[in-house]
PDB file of all heavy atoms in Angstrom:
ATOM      1  N   HIS A   1       0.801  -1.204  -0.001  1.00  0.00           N
ATOM      2  CA  HIS A   1      -0.004   0.013  -0.009  1.00  0.00           C
ATOM      3  C   HIS A   1       0.857   1.296  -0.044  1.00  0.00           C
ATOM      4  O   HIS A   1       0.428   2.282  -0.592  1.00  0.00           O
ATOM      5  CB  HIS A   1      -0.948  -0.037   1.181  1.00  0.00           C
ATOM      6  CG  HIS A   1      -1.868  -1.148   1.191  1.00  0.00           C
ATOM      7  ND1 HIS A   1      -2.164  -1.933   2.376  1.00  0.00           N
ATOM      8  CD2 HIS A   1      -2.705  -1.687   0.143  1.00  0.00           C
ATOM      9  CE1 HIS A   1      -3.062  -2.830   2.022  1.00  0.00           C
ATOM     10  NE2 HIS A   1      -3.363  -2.740   0.748  1.00  0.00           N
ATOM     11  N   LEU A   2       2.037   1.154   0.549  1.00  0.00           N
ATOM     12  CA  LEU A   2       2.988   2.339   0.566  1.00  0.00           C
ATOM     13  C   LEU A   2       3.462   2.499  -0.926  1.00  0.00           C
ATOM     14  O   LEU A   2       3.552   3.655  -1.451  1.00  0.00           O
ATOM     15  CB  LEU A   2       4.157   2.138   1.443  1.00  0.00           C
ATOM     16  CG  LEU A   2       3.875   1.882   2.985  1.00  0.00           C
ATOM     17  CD1 LEU A   2       5.142   1.743   3.730  1.00  0.00           C
ATOM     18  CD2 LEU A   2       3.050   3.172   3.495  1.00  0.00           C
ATOM     19  N   LEU A   3       3.757   1.425  -1.548  1.00  0.00           N
ATOM     20  CA  LEU A   3       4.382   1.489  -2.937  1.00  0.00           C
ATOM     21  C   LEU A   3       3.228   1.991  -3.891  1.00  0.00           C
ATOM     22  O   LEU A   3       3.637   2.669  -4.860  1.00  0.00           O
ATOM     23  CB  LEU A   3       4.778   0.074  -3.351  1.00  0.00           C
ATOM     24  CG  LEU A   3       6.082  -0.482  -2.720  1.00  0.00           C
ATOM     25  CD1 LEU A   3       6.319  -1.955  -3.022  1.00  0.00           C
ATOM     26  CD2 LEU A   3       7.211   0.293  -3.299  1.00  0.00           C
ATOM     27  N   THR A   4       2.011   1.594  -3.739  1.00  0.00           N
ATOM     28  CA  THR A   4       0.920   1.990  -4.565  1.00  0.00           C
ATOM     29  C   THR A   4       0.293   3.317  -4.126  1.00  0.00           C
ATOM     30  O   THR A   4      -0.785   3.700  -4.704  1.00  0.00           O
ATOM     31  CB  THR A   4      -0.093   0.910  -4.748  1.00  0.00           C
ATOM     32  OG1 THR A   4      -0.565   0.477  -3.467  1.00  0.00           O
ATOM     33  CG2 THR A   4       0.575  -0.405  -5.322  1.00  0.00           C
ATOM     34  N   MET A   5       0.739   3.882  -3.095  1.00  0.00           N
ATOM     35  CA  MET A   5       0.223   5.098  -2.496  1.00  0.00           C
ATOM     36  C   MET A   5      -1.304   4.960  -2.233  1.00  0.00           C
ATOM     37  O   MET A   5      -2.079   5.808  -2.684  1.00  0.00           O
ATOM     38  CB  MET A   5       0.447   6.370  -3.356  1.00  0.00           C
ATOM     39  CG  MET A   5       1.986   6.633  -3.509  1.00  0.00           C
ATOM     40  SD  MET A   5       2.330   8.197  -4.244  1.00  0.00           S
ATOM     41  CE  MET A   5       4.115   8.225  -4.057  1.00  0.00           C
ATOM     42  N   SER A   6      -1.629   3.884  -1.570  1.00  0.00           N
ATOM     43  CA  SER A   6      -2.999   3.669  -1.208  1.00  0.00           C
ATOM     44  C   SER A   6      -3.102   3.290   0.231  1.00  0.00           C
ATOM     45  O   SER A   6      -3.925   2.346   0.547  1.00  0.00           O
ATOM     46  CB  SER A   6      -3.552   2.519  -2.077  1.00  0.00           C
ATOM     47  OG  SER A   6      -2.825   1.352  -1.962  1.00  0.00           O
ATOM     48  N   MET A   7      -2.319   3.879   1.099  1.00  0.00           N
ATOM     49  CA  MET A   7      -2.417   3.517   2.539  1.00  0.00           C
ATOM     50  C   MET A   7      -3.670   3.991   3.260  1.00  0.00           C
ATOM     51  O   MET A   7      -3.948   3.525   4.336  1.00  0.00           O
ATOM     52  CB  MET A   7      -1.155   4.027   3.225  1.00  0.00           C
ATOM     53  CG  MET A   7      -0.915   5.461   3.280  1.00  0.00           C
ATOM     54  SD  MET A   7       0.644   5.925   4.126  1.00  0.00           S
ATOM     55  CE  MET A   7       0.585   7.721   3.951  1.00  0.00           C
ATOM     56  N   GLY A   8      -4.319   4.928   2.684  1.00  0.00           N
ATOM     57  CA  GLY A   8      -5.666   5.378   3.204  1.00  0.00           C
ATOM     58  C   GLY A   8      -5.532   6.327   4.409  1.00  0.00           C
ATOM     59  O   GLY A   8      -6.529   6.566   4.994  1.00  0.00           O
ATOM     60  N   LEU A   9      -4.348   6.880   4.604  1.00  0.00           N
ATOM     61  CA  LEU A   9      -4.244   7.922   5.632  1.00  0.00           C
ATOM     62  C   LEU A   9      -4.408   9.294   5.116  1.00  0.00           C
ATOM     63  O   LEU A   9      -4.304   9.559   3.969  1.00  0.00           O
ATOM     64  CB  LEU A   9      -2.859   7.813   6.257  1.00  0.00           C
ATOM     65  CG  LEU A   9      -2.555   6.376   6.936  1.00  0.00           C
ATOM     66  CD1 LEU A   9      -1.170   6.475   7.625  1.00  0.00           C
ATOM     67  CD2 LEU A   9      -3.663   5.957   7.930  1.00  0.00           C
ATOM     68  N   ALA A  10      -4.764  10.250   6.048  1.00  0.00           N
ATOM     69  CA  ALA A  10      -5.075  11.624   5.581  1.00  0.00           C
ATOM     70  C   ALA A  10      -3.771  12.398   5.290  1.00  0.00           C
ATOM     71  O   ALA A  10      -3.180  12.875   6.160  1.00  0.00           O
ATOM     72  CB  ALA A  10      -5.821  12.320   6.741  1.00  0.00           C
ATOM     73  N   TRP A  11      -3.481  12.359   4.025  1.00  0.00           N
ATOM     74  CA  TRP A  11      -2.239  13.070   3.532  1.00  0.00           C
ATOM     75  C   TRP A  11      -2.516  13.920   2.333  1.00  0.00           C
ATOM     76  O   TRP A  11      -3.266  13.467   1.403  1.00  0.00           O
ATOM     77  CB  TRP A  11      -1.149  12.015   3.202  1.00  0.00           C
ATOM     78  CG  TRP A  11       0.122  12.628   2.751  1.00  0.00           C
ATOM     79  CD1 TRP A  11       0.392  13.142   1.491  1.00  0.00           C
ATOM     80  CD2 TRP A  11       1.273  12.941   3.493  1.00  0.00           C
ATOM     81  NE1 TRP A  11       1.613  13.685   1.492  1.00  0.00           N
ATOM     82  CE2 TRP A  11       2.191  13.512   2.728  1.00  0.00           C
ATOM     83  CE3 TRP A  11       1.593  12.620   4.852  1.00  0.00           C
ATOM     84  CZ2 TRP A  11       3.458  13.934   3.121  1.00  0.00           C
ATOM     85  CZ3 TRP A  11       2.889  13.016   5.363  1.00  0.00           C
ATOM     86  CH2 TRP A  11       3.790  13.704   4.446  1.00  0.00           C
ATOM     87  N   SER A  12      -1.924  15.056   2.267  1.00  0.00           N
ATOM     88  CA  SER A  12      -2.120  15.974   1.037  1.00  0.00           C
ATOM     89  C   SER A  12      -0.709  16.482   0.632  1.00  0.00           C
ATOM     90  O   SER A  12      -0.050  17.011   1.509  1.00  0.00           O
ATOM     91  CB  SER A  12      -3.091  17.123   1.313  1.00  0.00           C
ATOM     92  OG  SER A  12      -3.025  17.991   0.193  1.00  0.00           O
ATOM     93  N   ASP A  13      -0.335  16.246  -0.645  1.00  0.00           N
ATOM     94  CA  ASP A  13       0.946  16.795  -1.102  1.00  0.00           C
ATOM     95  C   ASP A  13       0.659  18.157  -1.880  1.00  0.00           C
ATOM     96  O   ASP A  13       1.481  18.588  -2.592  1.00  0.00           O
ATOM     97  CB  ASP A  13       1.483  15.804  -2.117  1.00  0.00           C
ATOM     98  CG  ASP A  13       2.727  15.038  -1.501  1.00  0.00           C
ATOM     99  OD1 ASP A  13       3.687  15.765  -1.074  1.00  0.00           O
ATOM    100  OD2 ASP A  13       2.679  13.849  -1.347  1.00  0.00           O
ATOM    101  N   ARG A  14      -0.497  18.739  -1.622  1.00  0.00           N
ATOM    102  CA  ARG A  14      -0.743  20.038  -2.229  1.00  0.00           C
ATOM    103  C   ARG A  14      -0.355  21.150  -1.352  1.00  0.00           C
ATOM    104  O   ARG A  14      -0.161  21.050  -0.188  1.00  0.00           O
ATOM    105  CB  ARG A  14      -2.306  20.098  -2.515  1.00  0.00           C
ATOM    106  CG  ARG A  14      -2.775  19.106  -3.516  1.00  0.00           C
ATOM    107  CD  ARG A  14      -4.275  19.251  -3.739  1.00  0.00           C
ATOM    108  NE  ARG A  14      -4.749  18.222  -4.720  1.00  0.00           N
ATOM    109  CZ  ARG A  14      -6.023  18.141  -5.087  1.00  0.00           C
ATOM    110  NH1 ARG A  14      -6.918  18.934  -4.556  1.00  0.00           N
ATOM    111  NH2 ARG A  14      -6.387  17.167  -5.970  1.00  0.00           N
ATOM    112  N   ALA A  15      -0.062  22.303  -2.057  1.00  0.00           N
ATOM    113  CA  ALA A  15       0.223  23.591  -1.317  1.00  0.00           C
ATOM    114  C   ALA A  15      -0.848  23.872  -0.308  1.00  0.00           C
ATOM    115  O   ALA A  15      -2.052  23.633  -0.618  1.00  0.00           O
ATOM    116  CB  ALA A  15       0.354  24.776  -2.319  1.00  0.00           C
ATOM    117  N   PRO A  16      -0.516  24.322   0.823  1.00  0.00           N
ATOM    118  CA  PRO A  16       0.849  24.773   1.373  1.00  0.00           C
ATOM    119  C   PRO A  16       1.764  23.679   1.918  1.00  0.00           C
ATOM    120  O   PRO A  16       2.592  23.970   2.717  1.00  0.00           O
ATOM    121  CB  PRO A  16       0.479  25.783   2.431  1.00  0.00           C
ATOM    122  CG  PRO A  16      -0.816  25.246   3.117  1.00  0.00           C
ATOM    123  CD  PRO A  16      -1.550  24.570   1.924  1.00  0.00           C
ATOM    124  N   TYR A  17       1.517  22.473   1.535  1.00  0.00           N
ATOM    125  CA  TYR A  17       2.430  21.301   1.929  1.00  0.00           C
ATOM    126  C   TYR A  17       2.556  21.180   3.364  1.00  0.00           C
ATOM    127  O   TYR A  17       3.640  20.924   3.867  1.00  0.00           O
ATOM    128  CB  TYR A  17       3.856  21.552   1.261  1.00  0.00           C
ATOM    129  CG  TYR A  17       3.758  21.899  -0.242  1.00  0.00           C
ATOM    130  CD1 TYR A  17       4.126  23.215  -0.675  1.00  0.00           C
ATOM    131  CD2 TYR A  17       3.352  20.949  -1.118  1.00  0.00           C
ATOM    132  CE1 TYR A  17       4.014  23.527  -2.000  1.00  0.00           C
ATOM    133  CE2 TYR A  17       3.239  21.242  -2.552  1.00  0.00           C
ATOM    134  CZ  TYR A  17       3.536  22.565  -2.948  1.00  0.00           C
ATOM    135  OH  TYR A  17       3.449  22.853  -4.285  1.00  0.00           O
ATOM    136  N   THR A  18       1.520  21.273   4.080  1.00  0.00           N
ATOM    137  CA  THR A  18       1.409  21.078   5.451  1.00  0.00           C
ATOM    138  C   THR A  18       1.960  19.742   6.044  1.00  0.00           C
ATOM    139  O   THR A  18       2.809  19.704   6.895  1.00  0.00           O
ATOM    140  CB  THR A  18       0.014  21.318   6.080  1.00  0.00           C
ATOM    141  OG1 THR A  18      -0.437  22.617   5.718  1.00  0.00           O
ATOM    142  CG2 THR A  18       0.105  21.290   7.629  1.00  0.00           C
ATOM    143  N   ASN A  19       1.467  18.726   5.353  1.00  0.00           N
ATOM    144  CA  ASN A  19       2.019  17.380   5.757  1.00  0.00           C
ATOM    145  C   ASN A  19       3.505  17.159   5.507  1.00  0.00           C
ATOM    146  O   ASN A  19       4.247  16.679   6.368  1.00  0.00           O
ATOM    147  CB  ASN A  19       1.252  16.253   5.006  1.00  0.00           C
ATOM    148  CG  ASN A  19      -0.266  16.109   5.503  1.00  0.00           C
ATOM    149  OD1 ASN A  19      -1.152  16.165   4.687  1.00  0.00           O
ATOM    150  ND2 ASN A  19      -0.450  16.048   6.809  1.00  0.00           N
ATOM    151  N   GLU A  20       3.982  17.520   4.261  1.00  0.00           N
ATOM    152  CA  GLU A  20       5.315  17.344   4.010  1.00  0.00           C
ATOM    153  C   GLU A  20       6.276  18.251   4.869  1.00  0.00           C
ATOM    154  O   GLU A  20       7.301  17.760   5.360  1.00  0.00           O
ATOM    155  CB  GLU A  20       5.548  17.616   2.551  1.00  0.00           C
ATOM    156  CG  GLU A  20       6.942  17.151   2.087  1.00  0.00           C
ATOM    157  CD  GLU A  20       7.075  17.176   0.557  1.00  0.00           C
ATOM    158  OE1 GLU A  20       6.102  17.450  -0.184  1.00  0.00           O
ATOM    159  OE2 GLU A  20       8.250  16.993   0.068  1.00  0.00           O
ATOM    160  N   ASN A  21       5.836  19.466   5.168  1.00  0.00           N
ATOM    161  CA  ASN A  21       6.615  20.322   5.955  1.00  0.00           C
ATOM    162  C   ASN A  21       6.724  19.811   7.459  1.00  0.00           C
ATOM    163  O   ASN A  21       7.777  19.827   8.067  1.00  0.00           O
ATOM    164  CB  ASN A  21       6.090  21.706   5.991  1.00  0.00           C
ATOM    165  CG  ASN A  21       6.262  22.429   4.606  1.00  0.00           C
ATOM    166  OD1 ASN A  21       7.162  22.037   3.926  1.00  0.00           O
ATOM    167  ND2 ASN A  21       5.405  23.370   4.334  1.00  0.00           N
ATOM    168  N   THR A  22       5.581  19.250   7.932  1.00  0.00           N
ATOM    169  CA  THR A  22       5.670  18.655   9.251  1.00  0.00           C
ATOM    170  C   THR A  22       6.452  17.386   9.325  1.00  0.00           C
ATOM    171  O   THR A  22       7.177  17.241  10.253  1.00  0.00           O
ATOM    172  CB  THR A  22       4.188  18.413   9.662  1.00  0.00           C
ATOM    173  OG1 THR A  22       3.336  19.531   9.589  1.00  0.00           O
ATOM    174  CG2 THR A  22       4.017  17.897  11.155  1.00  0.00           C
ATOM    175  N   LEU A  23       6.413  16.554   8.254  1.00  0.00           N
ATOM    176  CA  LEU A  23       7.190  15.461   8.210  1.00  0.00           C
ATOM    177  C   LEU A  23       8.649  15.769   8.267  1.00  0.00           C
ATOM    178  O   LEU A  23       9.404  15.166   9.038  1.00  0.00           O
ATOM    179  CB  LEU A  23       6.881  14.689   6.866  1.00  0.00           C
ATOM    180  CG  LEU A  23       7.929  13.625   6.439  1.00  0.00           C
ATOM    181  CD1 LEU A  23       7.702  12.388   7.250  1.00  0.00           C
ATOM    182  CD2 LEU A  23       7.772  13.278   4.978  1.00  0.00           C
ATOM    183  N   ASN A  24       9.064  16.739   7.475  1.00  0.00           N
ATOM    184  CA  ASN A  24      10.508  17.143   7.437  1.00  0.00           C
ATOM    185  C   ASN A  24      10.987  17.762   8.801  1.00  0.00           C
ATOM    186  O   ASN A  24      12.178  17.681   9.047  1.00  0.00           O
ATOM    187  CB  ASN A  24      10.730  18.091   6.270  1.00  0.00           C
ATOM    188  CG  ASN A  24      10.496  17.518   4.940  1.00  0.00           C
ATOM    189  OD1 ASN A  24      10.708  16.299   4.809  1.00  0.00           O
ATOM    190  ND2 ASN A  24      10.164  18.305   3.938  1.00  0.00           N
ATOM    191  N   ALA A  25      10.094  18.343   9.485  1.00  0.00           N
ATOM    192  CA  ALA A  25      10.461  18.982  10.713  1.00  0.00           C
ATOM    193  C   ALA A  25      10.327  18.125  11.907  1.00  0.00           C
ATOM    194  O   ALA A  25      10.814  18.446  13.020  1.00  0.00           O
ATOM    195  CB  ALA A  25       9.605  20.221  10.943  1.00  0.00           C
ATOM    196  N   SER A  26       9.743  16.906  11.803  1.00  0.00           N
ATOM    197  CA  SER A  26       9.386  16.094  12.848  1.00  0.00           C
ATOM    198  C   SER A  26      10.732  15.320  13.348  1.00  0.00           C
ATOM    199  O   SER A  26      11.546  14.897  12.585  1.00  0.00           O
ATOM    200  CB  SER A  26       8.410  15.071  12.470  1.00  0.00           C
ATOM    201  OG  SER A  26       8.201  14.113  13.521  1.00  0.00           O
ATOM    202  N   LEU A  27      10.797  15.139  14.668  1.00  0.00           N
ATOM    203  CA  LEU A  27      11.879  14.311  15.229  1.00  0.00           C
ATOM    204  C   LEU A  27      11.713  12.842  14.981  1.00  0.00           C
ATOM    205  O   LEU A  27      12.598  12.123  15.015  1.00  0.00           O
ATOM    206  CB  LEU A  27      12.040  14.559  16.740  1.00  0.00           C
ATOM    207  CG  LEU A  27      12.393  16.041  17.190  1.00  0.00           C
ATOM    208  CD1 LEU A  27      12.341  16.157  18.644  1.00  0.00           C
ATOM    209  CD2 LEU A  27      13.814  16.352  16.630  1.00  0.00           C
ATOM    210  N   ASP A  28      10.431  12.471  14.756  1.00  0.00           N
ATOM    211  CA  ASP A  28      10.132  11.049  14.405  1.00  0.00           C
ATOM    212  C   ASP A  28       9.140  11.021  13.201  1.00  0.00           C
ATOM    213  O   ASP A  28       8.006  10.912  13.350  1.00  0.00           O
ATOM    214  CB  ASP A  28       9.452  10.422  15.647  1.00  0.00           C
ATOM    215  CG  ASP A  28       9.359   8.834  15.454  1.00  0.00           C
ATOM    216  OD1 ASP A  28       9.494   8.375  14.330  1.00  0.00           O
ATOM    217  OD2 ASP A  28       9.149   8.177  16.493  1.00  0.00           O
ATOM    218  N   PRO A  29       9.650  11.251  11.993  1.00  0.00           N
ATOM    219  CA  PRO A  29       8.809  11.424  10.870  1.00  0.00           C
ATOM    220  C   PRO A  29       7.922  10.222  10.543  1.00  0.00           C
ATOM    221  O   PRO A  29       6.775  10.382  10.037  1.00  0.00           O
ATOM    222  CB  PRO A  29       9.796  11.735   9.711  1.00  0.00           C
ATOM    223  CG  PRO A  29      11.130  11.152  10.216  1.00  0.00           C
ATOM    224  CD  PRO A  29      11.108  11.288  11.686  1.00  0.00           C
ATOM    225  N   TYR A  30       8.435   9.060  10.791  1.00  0.00           N
ATOM    226  CA  TYR A  30       7.619   7.805  10.535  1.00  0.00           C
ATOM    227  C   TYR A  30       6.409   7.723  11.452  1.00  0.00           C
ATOM    228  O   TYR A  30       5.323   7.429  11.029  1.00  0.00           O
ATOM    229  CB  TYR A  30       8.503   6.574  10.589  1.00  0.00           C
ATOM    230  CG  TYR A  30       9.784   6.790   9.916  1.00  0.00           C
ATOM    231  CD1 TYR A  30      10.989   6.571  10.553  1.00  0.00           C
ATOM    232  CD2 TYR A  30       9.898   7.189   8.610  1.00  0.00           C
ATOM    233  CE1 TYR A  30      12.162   6.776   9.988  1.00  0.00           C
ATOM    234  CE2 TYR A  30      11.126   7.420   7.961  1.00  0.00           C
ATOM    235  CZ  TYR A  30      12.262   7.205   8.655  1.00  0.00           C
ATOM    236  OH  TYR A  30      13.441   7.390   8.035  1.00  0.00           O
ATOM    237  N   ARG A  31       6.633   8.037  12.706  1.00  0.00           N
ATOM    238  CA  ARG A  31       5.437   8.098  13.664  1.00  0.00           C
ATOM    239  C   ARG A  31       4.475   9.150  13.157  1.00  0.00           C
ATOM    240  O   ARG A  31       3.231   8.911  13.259  1.00  0.00           O
ATOM    241  CB  ARG A  31       5.951   8.483  15.090  1.00  0.00           C
ATOM    242  CG  ARG A  31       4.771   8.761  16.054  1.00  0.00           C
ATOM    243  CD  ARG A  31       5.227   8.948  17.457  1.00  0.00           C
ATOM    244  NE  ARG A  31       5.495   7.664  18.177  1.00  0.00           N
ATOM    245  CZ  ARG A  31       4.497   6.991  18.692  1.00  0.00           C
ATOM    246  NH1 ARG A  31       3.257   7.399  18.688  1.00  0.00           N
ATOM    247  NH2 ARG A  31       4.770   5.909  19.380  1.00  0.00           N
ATOM    248  N   TYR A  32       4.951  10.296  12.751  1.00  0.00           N
ATOM    249  CA  TYR A  32       4.001  11.338  12.280  1.00  0.00           C
ATOM    250  C   TYR A  32       3.113  10.807  11.201  1.00  0.00           C
ATOM    251  O   TYR A  32       1.878  11.008  11.184  1.00  0.00           O
ATOM    252  CB  TYR A  32       4.786  12.578  11.777  1.00  0.00           C
ATOM    253  CG  TYR A  32       3.912  13.506  11.025  1.00  0.00           C
ATOM    254  CD1 TYR A  32       2.899  14.221  11.670  1.00  0.00           C
ATOM    255  CD2 TYR A  32       4.012  13.657   9.641  1.00  0.00           C
ATOM    256  CE1 TYR A  32       2.021  15.095  10.930  1.00  0.00           C
ATOM    257  CE2 TYR A  32       3.148  14.509   8.942  1.00  0.00           C
ATOM    258  CZ  TYR A  32       2.199  15.234   9.606  1.00  0.00           C
ATOM    259  OH  TYR A  32       1.362  15.957   8.873  1.00  0.00           O
ATOM    260  N   VAL A  33       3.745  10.185  10.132  1.00  0.00           N
ATOM    261  CA  VAL A  33       2.916   9.707   9.052  1.00  0.00           C
ATOM    262  C   VAL A  33       1.868   8.647   9.471  1.00  0.00           C
ATOM    263  O   VAL A  33       0.638   8.704   9.185  1.00  0.00           O
ATOM    264  CB  VAL A  33       3.833   9.107   7.941  1.00  0.00           C
ATOM    265  CG1 VAL A  33       3.023   8.440   6.842  1.00  0.00           C
ATOM    266  CG2 VAL A  33       4.782  10.173   7.408  1.00  0.00           C
ATOM    267  N   LEU A  34       2.350   7.686  10.286  1.00  0.00           N
ATOM    268  CA  LEU A  34       1.468   6.684  10.695  1.00  0.00           C
ATOM    269  C   LEU A  34       0.451   6.979  11.748  1.00  0.00           C
ATOM    270  O   LEU A  34      -0.477   6.155  12.053  1.00  0.00           O
ATOM    271  CB  LEU A  34       2.396   5.411  11.206  1.00  0.00           C
ATOM    272  CG  LEU A  34       3.200   4.827  10.083  1.00  0.00           C
ATOM    273  CD1 LEU A  34       4.210   3.695  10.718  1.00  0.00           C
ATOM    274  CD2 LEU A  34       2.348   4.115   9.018  1.00  0.00           C
TER     275      LEU A  34
END
């Protein structure tokens, strides 16, 4: 599901890139995503 980008979690790669920016700033980015 990660490979096919169908994990079903609330993620948006659109501007203002809130998810990606939070991921990059996180001390535990994998926990943040999951």
